[in-house]
Amino acid sequence: MNLNESILHFFNNYAGKWNILDTIAKNTITFIPIVMCAIIAIIYFIGIIQKNLDYRHIAVSTFFFLVINLIIGYIISHIYYKPRPLFAEKGTINAPVSHVDDSSFPSDHMTITTSLTFGISSTFKILRYIFIVCTIIIGIDKIFLGHHYPLDILLTVVYVCIMRIIYNVFISKHIIKFYDFIENKFKRIIVNK
């Protein structure tokens, strides 16, 4: 057994033994990404209410960064298929929460939470730390539930880090210019100036 599998089994051995842990893990992987996305939407609407263009830019840029990462992640998962532990190691994985049999890499949950964390990290310092903790919780829960190998979780974070550099250098300024163009065209609808 390699280190990747050893870490997986260390966490996964607790799955299915205590109903409360299974329920917490199931609820966190369901609700944390939703709450994080809602916070980004709230930042956008605060930007509208307070007429704060920076807040709107951060929210829009974060949204596009997330969508780009999910699309590229979807493509990667169809080019490079790696079975999830609960399917690759049937009989040795406790799986209290079922999952579809798609690729373990990259993790959609980690792509979402890591993308959102990077999106707000430079401006909202307190939120950055809250989002980092939420992302770590999601990663541990996905391993605990047998949905991902630890290396797939780690490599998803690395993938999003690389994408953040590419996004910042080549894409973000175009997204912001496009948003400003749209906002200026429809400023009475989007921002009551």
N, C-alpha and C. Protein backbone atom coordinates (compact mmCIF):
# COMPACT_ATOMS: atom_id res chain seq x y z
N MET A 1 0.85 -1.17 0.00
CA MET A 1 0.00 0.00 0.00
C MET A 1 0.90 1.25 0.00
N ASN A 2 0.66 2.16 -0.95
CA ASN A 2 1.46 3.38 -1.03
C ASN A 2 0.93 4.45 -0.08
N LEU A 3 1.64 5.58 0.01
CA LEU A 3 1.27 6.65 0.93
C LEU A 3 -0.11 7.21 0.61
N ASN A 4 -0.41 7.38 -0.67
CA ASN A 4 -1.71 7.90 -1.11
C ASN A 4 -2.84 7.02 -0.57
N GLU A 5 -2.71 5.72 -0.73
CA GLU A 5 -3.72 4.78 -0.24
C GLU A 5 -3.74 4.72 1.28
N SER A 6 -2.56 4.82 1.91
CA SER A 6 -2.50 4.78 3.38
C SER A 6 -3.25 5.96 3.99
N ILE A 7 -3.06 7.16 3.44
CA ILE A 7 -3.77 8.33 3.95
C ILE A 7 -5.27 8.18 3.71
N LEU A 8 -5.63 7.70 2.52
CA LEU A 8 -7.05 7.47 2.22
C LEU A 8 -7.66 6.54 3.25
N HIS A 9 -7.02 5.40 3.52
CA HIS A 9 -7.58 4.42 4.44
C HIS A 9 -7.57 4.93 5.88
N PHE A 10 -6.58 5.74 6.24
CA PHE A 10 -6.57 6.33 7.58
C PHE A 10 -7.85 7.12 7.83
N PHE A 11 -8.20 8.00 6.89
CA PHE A 11 -9.42 8.80 7.06
C PHE A 11 -10.68 7.98 6.83
N ASN A 12 -10.65 7.14 5.80
CA ASN A 12 -11.85 6.41 5.42
C ASN A 12 -12.24 5.32 6.42
N ASN A 13 -11.29 4.87 7.22
CA ASN A 13 -11.61 3.84 8.22
C ASN A 13 -12.66 4.31 9.22
N TYR A 14 -12.82 5.62 9.38
CA TYR A 14 -13.82 6.16 10.31
C TYR A 14 -15.19 6.32 9.66
N ALA A 15 -15.25 6.24 8.33
CA ALA A 15 -16.52 6.40 7.62
C ALA A 15 -17.40 5.18 7.88
N GLY A 16 -18.70 5.44 8.02
CA GLY A 16 -19.65 4.35 8.22
C GLY A 16 -19.68 3.79 9.62
N LYS A 17 -18.83 4.31 10.52
CA LYS A 17 -18.80 3.79 11.89
C LYS A 17 -19.62 4.65 12.84
N TRP A 18 -19.59 5.95 12.61
CA TRP A 18 -20.37 6.87 13.43
C TRP A 18 -21.26 7.69 12.51
N ASN A 19 -22.54 7.51 12.69
CA ASN A 19 -23.52 8.18 11.84
C ASN A 19 -23.34 9.69 11.85
N ILE A 20 -22.97 10.25 13.00
CA ILE A 20 -22.83 11.70 13.12
C ILE A 20 -21.70 12.20 12.21
N LEU A 21 -20.58 11.48 12.14
CA LEU A 21 -19.48 11.88 11.25
C LEU A 21 -19.90 11.81 9.79
N ASP A 22 -20.62 10.75 9.44
CA ASP A 22 -21.10 10.61 8.06
C ASP A 22 -22.05 11.75 7.69
N THR A 23 -22.94 12.10 8.61
CA THR A 23 -23.90 13.18 8.36
C THR A 23 -23.19 14.52 8.23
N ILE A 24 -22.23 14.78 9.11
CA ILE A 24 -21.47 16.03 9.03
C ILE A 24 -20.74 16.12 7.70
N ALA A 25 -20.07 15.04 7.31
CA ALA A 25 -19.32 15.05 6.04
C ALA A 25 -20.25 15.25 4.85
N LYS A 26 -21.37 14.56 4.86
CA LYS A 26 -22.34 14.70 3.76
C LYS A 26 -22.86 16.12 3.67
N ASN A 27 -23.19 16.71 4.82
CA ASN A 27 -23.73 18.07 4.82
C ASN A 27 -22.68 19.12 4.44
N THR A 28 -21.45 18.93 4.89
CA THR A 28 -20.42 19.92 4.55
C THR A 28 -20.10 19.89 3.06
N ILE A 29 -20.02 18.72 2.46
CA ILE A 29 -19.72 18.69 1.01
C ILE A 29 -20.90 19.21 0.19
N THR A 30 -22.09 19.18 0.78
CA THR A 30 -23.27 19.72 0.09
C THR A 30 -23.37 21.23 0.26
N PHE A 31 -23.23 21.70 1.48
CA PHE A 31 -23.58 23.10 1.77
C PHE A 31 -22.41 24.09 1.73
N ILE A 32 -21.20 23.66 2.04
CA ILE A 32 -20.08 24.62 2.03
C ILE A 32 -19.90 25.26 0.66
N PRO A 33 -19.85 24.50 -0.44
CA PRO A 33 -19.70 25.17 -1.74
C PRO A 33 -20.86 26.11 -2.07
N ILE A 34 -22.07 25.75 -1.67
CA ILE A 34 -23.24 26.61 -1.91
C ILE A 34 -23.11 27.92 -1.13
N VAL A 35 -22.72 27.82 0.13
CA VAL A 35 -22.57 29.01 0.97
C VAL A 35 -21.44 29.90 0.42
N MET A 36 -20.35 29.28 0.00
CA MET A 36 -19.23 30.06 -0.55
C MET A 36 -19.67 30.80 -1.82
N CYS A 37 -20.42 30.13 -2.69
CA CYS A 37 -20.93 30.80 -3.91
C CYS A 37 -21.90 31.92 -3.54
N ALA A 38 -22.72 31.69 -2.53
CA ALA A 38 -23.66 32.72 -2.08
C ALA A 38 -22.92 33.95 -1.56
N ILE A 39 -21.80 33.73 -0.88
CA ILE A 39 -21.00 34.85 -0.37
C ILE A 39 -20.45 35.68 -1.53
N ILE A 40 -20.03 35.03 -2.61
CA ILE A 40 -19.55 35.76 -3.79
C ILE A 40 -20.69 36.59 -4.38
N ALA A 41 -21.88 36.02 -4.44
CA ALA A 41 -23.04 36.76 -4.94
C ALA A 41 -23.35 37.95 -4.03
N ILE A 42 -23.25 37.76 -2.73
CA ILE A 42 -23.48 38.84 -1.78
C ILE A 42 -22.47 39.96 -1.98
N ILE A 43 -21.21 39.60 -2.22
CA ILE A 43 -20.17 40.61 -2.49
C ILE A 43 -20.56 41.42 -3.71
N TYR A 44 -21.07 40.75 -4.74
CA TYR A 44 -21.50 41.46 -5.95
C TYR A 44 -22.63 42.45 -5.63
N PHE A 45 -23.64 41.98 -4.89
CA PHE A 45 -24.77 42.85 -4.59
C PHE A 45 -24.41 43.98 -3.63
N ILE A 46 -23.47 43.73 -2.73
CA ILE A 46 -22.95 44.82 -1.88
C ILE A 46 -22.27 45.85 -2.77
N GLY A 47 -21.55 45.37 -3.79
CA GLY A 47 -20.91 46.28 -4.75
C GLY A 47 -21.92 47.14 -5.49
N ILE A 48 -23.08 46.58 -5.77
CA ILE A 48 -24.14 47.36 -6.42
C ILE A 48 -24.71 48.39 -5.44
N ILE A 49 -25.06 47.93 -4.25
CA ILE A 49 -25.68 48.81 -3.26
C ILE A 49 -24.75 49.95 -2.86
N GLN A 50 -23.47 49.62 -2.63
CA GLN A 50 -22.51 50.63 -2.19
C GLN A 50 -21.81 51.34 -3.35
N LYS A 51 -22.22 50.99 -4.57
CA LYS A 51 -21.59 51.55 -5.78
C LYS A 51 -20.07 51.35 -5.75
N ASN A 52 -19.69 50.12 -5.37
CA ASN A 52 -18.28 49.77 -5.24
C ASN A 52 -17.89 48.89 -6.43
N LEU A 53 -17.24 49.48 -7.40
CA LEU A 53 -16.87 48.77 -8.63
C LEU A 53 -15.88 47.64 -8.33
N ASP A 54 -14.97 47.84 -7.38
CA ASP A 54 -13.99 46.80 -7.05
C ASP A 54 -14.68 45.53 -6.58
N TYR A 55 -15.70 45.65 -5.73
CA TYR A 55 -16.43 44.48 -5.26
C TYR A 55 -17.09 43.74 -6.42
N ARG A 56 -17.69 44.50 -7.32
CA ARG A 56 -18.34 43.88 -8.48
C ARG A 56 -17.29 43.18 -9.35
N HIS A 57 -16.15 43.82 -9.55
CA HIS A 57 -15.07 43.21 -10.34
C HIS A 57 -14.60 41.91 -9.70
N ILE A 58 -14.40 41.92 -8.39
CA ILE A 58 -13.94 40.71 -7.69
C ILE A 58 -14.95 39.58 -7.87
N ALA A 59 -16.22 39.88 -7.67
CA ALA A 59 -17.25 38.84 -7.78
C ALA A 59 -17.35 38.30 -9.20
N VAL A 60 -17.35 39.18 -10.18
CA VAL A 60 -17.46 38.75 -11.58
C VAL A 60 -16.22 37.96 -12.00
N SER A 61 -15.05 38.46 -11.64
CA SER A 61 -13.81 37.77 -11.99
C SER A 61 -13.75 36.40 -11.33
N THR A 62 -14.16 36.32 -10.06
CA THR A 62 -14.17 35.03 -9.36
C THR A 62 -15.14 34.06 -10.02
N PHE A 63 -16.31 34.55 -10.41
CA PHE A 63 -17.29 33.70 -11.08
C PHE A 63 -16.71 33.13 -12.39
N PHE A 64 -16.11 33.98 -13.21
CA PHE A 64 -15.55 33.49 -14.47
C PHE A 64 -14.37 32.56 -14.25
N PHE A 65 -13.55 32.85 -13.25
CA PHE A 65 -12.43 31.97 -12.91
C PHE A 65 -12.95 30.59 -12.53
N LEU A 66 -14.02 30.55 -11.73
CA LEU A 66 -14.63 29.28 -11.34
C LEU A 66 -15.17 28.53 -12.56
N VAL A 67 -15.91 29.21 -13.41
CA VAL A 67 -16.51 28.56 -14.58
C VAL A 67 -15.43 28.00 -15.50
N ILE A 68 -14.40 28.78 -15.75
CA ILE A 68 -13.28 28.33 -16.61
C ILE A 68 -12.65 27.08 -16.01
N ASN A 69 -12.40 27.09 -14.70
CA ASN A 69 -11.77 25.93 -14.05
C ASN A 69 -12.66 24.69 -14.10
N LEU A 70 -13.96 24.87 -13.94
CA LEU A 70 -14.86 23.72 -14.02
C LEU A 70 -14.93 23.15 -15.43
N ILE A 71 -14.92 24.01 -16.43
CA ILE A 71 -14.94 23.54 -17.82
C ILE A 71 -13.66 22.79 -18.15
N ILE A 72 -12.52 23.37 -17.80
CA ILE A 72 -11.24 22.71 -18.08
C ILE A 72 -11.12 21.42 -17.26
N GLY A 73 -11.60 21.45 -16.01
CA GLY A 73 -11.61 20.24 -15.19
C GLY A 73 -12.44 19.13 -15.80
N TYR A 74 -13.58 19.51 -16.36
CA TYR A 74 -14.45 18.54 -17.04
C TYR A 74 -13.71 17.90 -18.23
N ILE A 75 -13.03 18.72 -18.99
CA ILE A 75 -12.26 18.21 -20.14
C ILE A 75 -11.14 17.28 -19.67
N ILE A 76 -10.41 17.70 -18.63
CA ILE A 76 -9.32 16.87 -18.10
C ILE A 76 -9.86 15.51 -17.64
N SER A 77 -10.99 15.52 -16.95
CA SER A 77 -11.54 14.26 -16.42
C SER A 77 -11.97 13.31 -17.52
N HIS A 78 -12.24 13.84 -18.72
CA HIS A 78 -12.61 12.96 -19.83
C HIS A 78 -11.40 12.52 -20.65
N ILE A 79 -10.32 13.25 -20.51
CA ILE A 79 -9.08 12.85 -21.19
C ILE A 79 -8.30 11.87 -20.30
N TYR A 80 -8.23 12.21 -19.01
CA TYR A 80 -7.49 11.39 -18.05
C TYR A 80 -8.48 10.86 -17.02
N TYR A 81 -8.89 9.62 -17.18
CA TYR A 81 -9.84 9.02 -16.26
C TYR A 81 -9.08 8.26 -15.18
N LYS A 82 -9.38 8.60 -13.93
CA LYS A 82 -8.83 7.87 -12.80
C LYS A 82 -10.00 7.47 -11.92
N PRO A 83 -10.23 6.19 -11.71
CA PRO A 83 -11.39 5.77 -10.94
C PRO A 83 -11.34 6.26 -9.48
N ARG A 84 -12.50 6.54 -8.95
CA ARG A 84 -12.61 6.95 -7.55
C ARG A 84 -12.28 5.76 -6.65
N PRO A 85 -11.77 6.04 -5.44
CA PRO A 85 -11.41 4.94 -4.54
C PRO A 85 -12.57 3.99 -4.25
N LEU A 86 -13.79 4.53 -4.10
CA LEU A 86 -14.90 3.65 -3.75
C LEU A 86 -15.24 2.68 -4.87
N PHE A 87 -14.78 2.96 -6.09
CA PHE A 87 -14.98 2.01 -7.21
C PHE A 87 -13.70 1.22 -7.49
N ALA A 88 -12.55 1.86 -7.33
CA ALA A 88 -11.27 1.19 -7.62
C ALA A 88 -10.92 0.17 -6.55
N GLU A 89 -11.36 0.42 -5.33
CA GLU A 89 -11.01 -0.46 -4.21
C GLU A 89 -12.26 -0.99 -3.52
N LYS A 90 -13.17 -1.51 -4.32
CA LYS A 90 -14.42 -2.04 -3.76
C LYS A 90 -14.11 -3.09 -2.69
N GLY A 91 -14.87 -3.00 -1.62
CA GLY A 91 -14.68 -3.95 -0.53
C GLY A 91 -13.72 -3.45 0.54
N THR A 92 -12.84 -2.52 0.19
CA THR A 92 -11.91 -1.99 1.19
C THR A 92 -12.24 -0.55 1.57
N ILE A 93 -13.19 0.07 0.86
CA ILE A 93 -13.57 1.45 1.12
C ILE A 93 -14.96 1.49 1.74
N ASN A 94 -15.07 2.24 2.84
CA ASN A 94 -16.37 2.49 3.45
C ASN A 94 -16.98 3.68 2.72
N ALA A 95 -18.15 3.50 2.16
CA ALA A 95 -18.79 4.56 1.37
C ALA A 95 -20.19 4.84 1.89
N PRO A 96 -20.29 5.65 2.97
CA PRO A 96 -21.61 5.95 3.51
C PRO A 96 -22.44 6.86 2.61
N VAL A 97 -21.78 7.56 1.70
CA VAL A 97 -22.46 8.44 0.75
C VAL A 97 -22.06 7.99 -0.65
N SER A 98 -23.04 7.63 -1.47
CA SER A 98 -22.72 7.14 -2.82
C SER A 98 -22.26 8.28 -3.71
N HIS A 99 -21.68 7.92 -4.83
CA HIS A 99 -21.19 8.90 -5.80
C HIS A 99 -21.25 8.26 -7.17
N VAL A 100 -21.37 9.11 -8.20
CA VAL A 100 -21.35 8.58 -9.56
C VAL A 100 -19.94 8.10 -9.88
N ASP A 101 -19.85 7.17 -10.81
CA ASP A 101 -18.57 6.58 -11.17
C ASP A 101 -17.91 7.43 -12.27
N ASP A 102 -17.41 8.59 -11.89
CA ASP A 102 -16.65 9.40 -12.83
C ASP A 102 -15.24 9.57 -12.28
N SER A 103 -14.42 10.34 -12.96
CA SER A 103 -13.01 10.44 -12.62
C SER A 103 -12.78 11.09 -11.26
N SER A 104 -11.78 10.59 -10.56
CA SER A 104 -11.42 11.13 -9.26
C SER A 104 -10.64 12.43 -9.37
N PHE A 105 -10.00 12.64 -10.53
CA PHE A 105 -9.23 13.88 -10.74
C PHE A 105 -9.74 14.60 -11.97
N PRO A 106 -9.93 15.91 -11.89
CA PRO A 106 -9.87 16.75 -10.69
C PRO A 106 -11.17 16.70 -9.92
N SER A 107 -11.09 17.02 -8.65
CA SER A 107 -12.27 17.05 -7.79
C SER A 107 -13.07 18.32 -8.05
N ASP A 108 -14.35 18.17 -8.38
CA ASP A 108 -15.21 19.35 -8.60
C ASP A 108 -15.34 20.18 -7.33
N HIS A 109 -15.54 19.51 -6.20
CA HIS A 109 -15.68 20.25 -4.94
C HIS A 109 -14.43 21.07 -4.63
N MET A 110 -13.28 20.47 -4.82
CA MET A 110 -12.04 21.20 -4.55
C MET A 110 -11.80 22.29 -5.59
N THR A 111 -12.19 22.04 -6.83
CA THR A 111 -12.08 23.07 -7.86
C THR A 111 -12.93 24.28 -7.47
N ILE A 112 -14.14 24.02 -7.03
CA ILE A 112 -15.05 25.11 -6.65
C ILE A 112 -14.49 25.89 -5.46
N THR A 113 -14.20 25.19 -4.38
CA THR A 113 -13.80 25.89 -3.16
C THR A 113 -12.44 26.57 -3.31
N THR A 114 -11.51 25.94 -4.00
CA THR A 114 -10.19 26.56 -4.20
C THR A 114 -10.30 27.76 -5.13
N SER A 115 -11.09 27.66 -6.19
CA SER A 115 -11.29 28.79 -7.10
C SER A 115 -11.90 29.98 -6.38
N LEU A 116 -12.90 29.73 -5.57
CA LEU A 116 -13.55 30.82 -4.83
C LEU A 116 -12.59 31.43 -3.81
N THR A 117 -11.77 30.59 -3.19
CA THR A 117 -10.79 31.09 -2.22
C THR A 117 -9.78 32.01 -2.90
N PHE A 118 -9.26 31.60 -4.04
CA PHE A 118 -8.33 32.46 -4.78
C PHE A 118 -9.00 33.74 -5.25
N GLY A 119 -10.27 33.63 -5.61
CA GLY A 119 -10.98 34.79 -6.13
C GLY A 119 -11.09 35.94 -5.15
N ILE A 120 -11.29 35.63 -3.88
CA ILE A 120 -11.50 36.70 -2.88
C ILE A 120 -10.28 36.94 -2.02
N SER A 121 -9.23 36.14 -2.18
CA SER A 121 -8.13 36.15 -1.22
C SER A 121 -7.35 37.46 -1.13
N SER A 122 -7.24 38.20 -2.22
CA SER A 122 -6.42 39.40 -2.16
C SER A 122 -7.13 40.58 -1.51
N THR A 123 -8.43 40.58 -1.47
CA THR A 123 -9.18 41.73 -0.96
C THR A 123 -9.81 41.47 0.40
N PHE A 124 -10.37 40.31 0.58
CA PHE A 124 -11.12 40.01 1.81
C PHE A 124 -10.29 39.07 2.68
N LYS A 125 -9.47 39.65 3.54
CA LYS A 125 -8.51 38.85 4.32
C LYS A 125 -9.19 37.87 5.28
N ILE A 126 -10.21 38.33 6.00
CA ILE A 126 -10.89 37.44 6.95
C ILE A 126 -11.61 36.32 6.20
N LEU A 127 -12.30 36.68 5.12
CA LEU A 127 -12.96 35.66 4.30
C LEU A 127 -11.96 34.67 3.73
N ARG A 128 -10.78 35.16 3.37
CA ARG A 128 -9.75 34.27 2.82
C ARG A 128 -9.48 33.13 3.78
N TYR A 129 -9.28 33.44 5.07
CA TYR A 129 -8.97 32.39 6.04
C TYR A 129 -10.17 31.46 6.26
N ILE A 130 -11.36 32.02 6.27
CA ILE A 130 -12.56 31.19 6.41
C ILE A 130 -12.69 30.25 5.21
N PHE A 131 -12.47 30.79 4.00
CA PHE A 131 -12.55 29.98 2.79
C PHE A 131 -11.46 28.91 2.76
N ILE A 132 -10.25 29.23 3.23
CA ILE A 132 -9.18 28.23 3.27
C ILE A 132 -9.58 27.08 4.19
N VAL A 133 -10.11 27.41 5.37
CA VAL A 133 -10.56 26.37 6.31
C VAL A 133 -11.66 25.52 5.68
N CYS A 134 -12.60 26.17 5.01
CA CYS A 134 -13.69 25.44 4.34
C CYS A 134 -13.15 24.51 3.26
N THR A 135 -12.17 24.98 2.51
CA THR A 135 -11.56 24.17 1.45
C THR A 135 -10.86 22.95 2.03
N ILE A 136 -10.14 23.14 3.13
CA ILE A 136 -9.47 22.01 3.79
C ILE A 136 -10.50 21.01 4.30
N ILE A 137 -11.58 21.50 4.89
CA ILE A 137 -12.64 20.62 5.38
C ILE A 137 -13.23 19.80 4.24
N ILE A 138 -13.50 20.46 3.10
CA ILE A 138 -14.04 19.75 1.93
C ILE A 138 -13.06 18.65 1.49
N GLY A 139 -11.78 18.97 1.40
CA GLY A 139 -10.79 17.98 0.98
C GLY A 139 -10.75 16.77 1.90
N ILE A 140 -10.74 17.03 3.20
CA ILE A 140 -10.73 15.92 4.17
C ILE A 140 -12.01 15.11 4.08
N ASP A 141 -13.14 15.78 3.95
CA ASP A 141 -14.42 15.06 3.85
C ASP A 141 -14.49 14.19 2.60
N LYS A 142 -13.98 14.69 1.49
CA LYS A 142 -14.02 13.88 0.25
C LYS A 142 -13.13 12.65 0.38
N ILE A 143 -12.02 12.77 1.09
CA ILE A 143 -11.16 11.61 1.36
C ILE A 143 -11.87 10.67 2.34
N PHE A 144 -12.40 11.23 3.41
CA PHE A 144 -13.12 10.48 4.44
C PHE A 144 -14.24 9.63 3.83
N LEU A 145 -14.98 10.21 2.89
CA LEU A 145 -16.10 9.50 2.26
C LEU A 145 -15.67 8.52 1.18
N GLY A 146 -14.37 8.48 0.86
CA GLY A 146 -13.87 7.56 -0.15
C GLY A 146 -14.13 8.02 -1.57
N HIS A 147 -14.42 9.30 -1.75
CA HIS A 147 -14.71 9.83 -3.09
C HIS A 147 -13.45 10.20 -3.86
N HIS A 148 -12.37 10.53 -3.15
CA HIS A 148 -11.13 10.94 -3.81
C HIS A 148 -9.93 10.43 -3.05
N TYR A 149 -8.86 10.18 -3.80
CA TYR A 149 -7.57 9.91 -3.19
C TYR A 149 -6.97 11.24 -2.73
N PRO A 150 -6.16 11.23 -1.68
CA PRO A 150 -5.53 12.47 -1.22
C PRO A 150 -4.72 13.18 -2.30
N LEU A 151 -4.02 12.40 -3.13
CA LEU A 151 -3.21 13.01 -4.19
C LEU A 151 -4.09 13.73 -5.21
N ASP A 152 -5.27 13.21 -5.48
CA ASP A 152 -6.19 13.88 -6.40
C ASP A 152 -6.67 15.21 -5.83
N ILE A 153 -6.88 15.25 -4.52
CA ILE A 153 -7.27 16.49 -3.84
C ILE A 153 -6.12 17.50 -3.95
N LEU A 154 -4.92 17.06 -3.62
CA LEU A 154 -3.75 17.93 -3.67
C LEU A 154 -3.48 18.42 -5.09
N LEU A 155 -3.56 17.53 -6.06
CA LEU A 155 -3.31 17.92 -7.46
C LEU A 155 -4.39 18.85 -8.00
N THR A 156 -5.60 18.74 -7.49
CA THR A 156 -6.65 19.69 -7.89
C THR A 156 -6.29 21.09 -7.40
N VAL A 157 -5.78 21.19 -6.18
CA VAL A 157 -5.35 22.49 -5.67
C VAL A 157 -4.20 23.04 -6.52
N VAL A 158 -3.26 22.18 -6.88
CA VAL A 158 -2.14 22.60 -7.74
C VAL A 158 -2.66 23.06 -9.10
N TYR A 159 -3.60 22.31 -9.66
CA TYR A 159 -4.21 22.67 -10.94
C TYR A 159 -4.84 24.05 -10.87
N VAL A 160 -5.61 24.32 -9.81
CA VAL A 160 -6.27 25.62 -9.67
C VAL A 160 -5.22 26.72 -9.46
N CYS A 161 -4.14 26.43 -8.74
CA CYS A 161 -3.05 27.41 -8.56
C CYS A 161 -2.44 27.79 -9.91
N ILE A 162 -2.17 26.81 -10.73
CA ILE A 162 -1.61 27.06 -12.06
C ILE A 162 -2.60 27.86 -12.90
N MET A 163 -3.87 27.47 -12.82
CA MET A 163 -4.90 28.20 -13.57
C MET A 163 -5.03 29.64 -13.08
N ARG A 164 -4.82 29.86 -11.79
CA ARG A 164 -4.90 31.23 -11.26
C ARG A 164 -3.82 32.11 -11.87
N ILE A 165 -2.63 31.58 -12.00
CA ILE A 165 -1.54 32.34 -12.62
C ILE A 165 -1.89 32.66 -14.07
N ILE A 166 -2.32 31.64 -14.81
CA ILE A 166 -2.70 31.84 -16.21
C ILE A 166 -3.85 32.84 -16.32
N TYR A 167 -4.84 32.70 -15.46
CA TYR A 167 -5.99 33.60 -15.47
C TYR A 167 -5.57 35.04 -15.19
N ASN A 168 -4.75 35.24 -14.17
CA ASN A 168 -4.30 36.59 -13.82
C ASN A 168 -3.49 37.23 -14.93
N VAL A 169 -2.64 36.46 -15.57
CA VAL A 169 -1.74 37.01 -16.60
C VAL A 169 -2.48 37.26 -17.92
N PHE A 170 -3.34 36.33 -18.33
CA PHE A 170 -3.88 36.39 -19.69
C PHE A 170 -5.38 36.70 -19.80
N ILE A 171 -6.16 36.43 -18.78
CA ILE A 171 -7.61 36.44 -18.96
C ILE A 171 -8.33 37.51 -18.14
N SER A 172 -7.94 37.72 -16.89
CA SER A 172 -8.74 38.53 -15.97
C SER A 172 -8.99 39.95 -16.48
N LYS A 173 -7.99 40.58 -17.05
CA LYS A 173 -8.19 41.96 -17.53
C LYS A 173 -9.23 42.03 -18.64
N HIS A 174 -9.31 40.98 -19.46
CA HIS A 174 -10.31 40.94 -20.53
C HIS A 174 -11.72 40.73 -19.96
N ILE A 175 -11.82 39.90 -18.92
CA ILE A 175 -13.10 39.68 -18.26
C ILE A 175 -13.60 41.00 -17.65
N ILE A 176 -12.71 41.71 -16.98
CA ILE A 176 -13.09 42.98 -16.34
C ILE A 176 -13.49 44.01 -17.40
N LYS A 177 -12.73 44.10 -18.50
CA LYS A 177 -13.09 45.04 -19.58
C LYS A 177 -14.46 44.69 -20.16
N PHE A 178 -14.71 43.40 -20.37
CA PHE A 178 -16.00 42.96 -20.89
C PHE A 178 -17.12 43.33 -19.91
N TYR A 179 -16.89 43.06 -18.63
CA TYR A 179 -17.91 43.41 -17.64
C TYR A 179 -18.16 44.91 -17.62
N ASP A 180 -17.10 45.71 -17.65
CA ASP A 180 -17.26 47.17 -17.65
C ASP A 180 -18.04 47.64 -18.87
N PHE A 181 -17.78 47.02 -20.01
CA PHE A 181 -18.52 47.35 -21.23
C PHE A 181 -20.01 47.07 -21.04
N ILE A 182 -20.32 45.86 -20.53
CA ILE A 182 -21.72 45.47 -20.30
C ILE A 182 -22.36 46.41 -19.27
N GLU A 183 -21.65 46.68 -18.18
CA GLU A 183 -22.21 47.54 -17.14
C GLU A 183 -22.47 48.95 -17.67
N ASN A 184 -21.56 49.46 -18.46
CA ASN A 184 -21.76 50.80 -19.02
C ASN A 184 -22.94 50.84 -20.00
N LYS A 185 -23.14 49.76 -20.74
CA LYS A 185 -24.27 49.68 -21.66
C LYS A 185 -25.60 49.62 -20.92
N PHE A 186 -25.59 48.91 -19.80
CA PHE A 186 -26.84 48.68 -19.07
C PHE A 186 -26.76 49.22 -17.64
N LYS A 187 -26.11 50.36 -17.44
CA LYS A 187 -25.86 50.84 -16.08
C LYS A 187 -27.14 51.11 -15.30
N ARG A 188 -28.22 51.45 -15.95
CA ARG A 188 -29.47 51.67 -15.22
C ARG A 188 -30.03 50.37 -14.66
N ILE A 189 -29.76 49.27 -15.33
CA ILE A 189 -30.26 47.97 -14.86
C ILE A 189 -29.33 47.38 -13.80
N ILE A 190 -28.03 47.38 -14.09
CA ILE A 190 -27.07 46.72 -13.20
C ILE A 190 -26.74 47.59 -11.99
N VAL A 191 -26.42 48.84 -12.22
CA VAL A 191 -26.03 49.73 -11.13
C VAL A 191 -26.81 51.02 -11.30
N ASN A 192 -27.57 51.37 -10.33
CA ASN A 192 -28.40 52.56 -10.39
C ASN A 192 -27.53 53.79 -10.10
N LYS A 193 -26.93 54.36 -11.15
CA LYS A 193 -26.01 55.50 -10.99
C LYS A 193 -26.71 56.79 -11.24
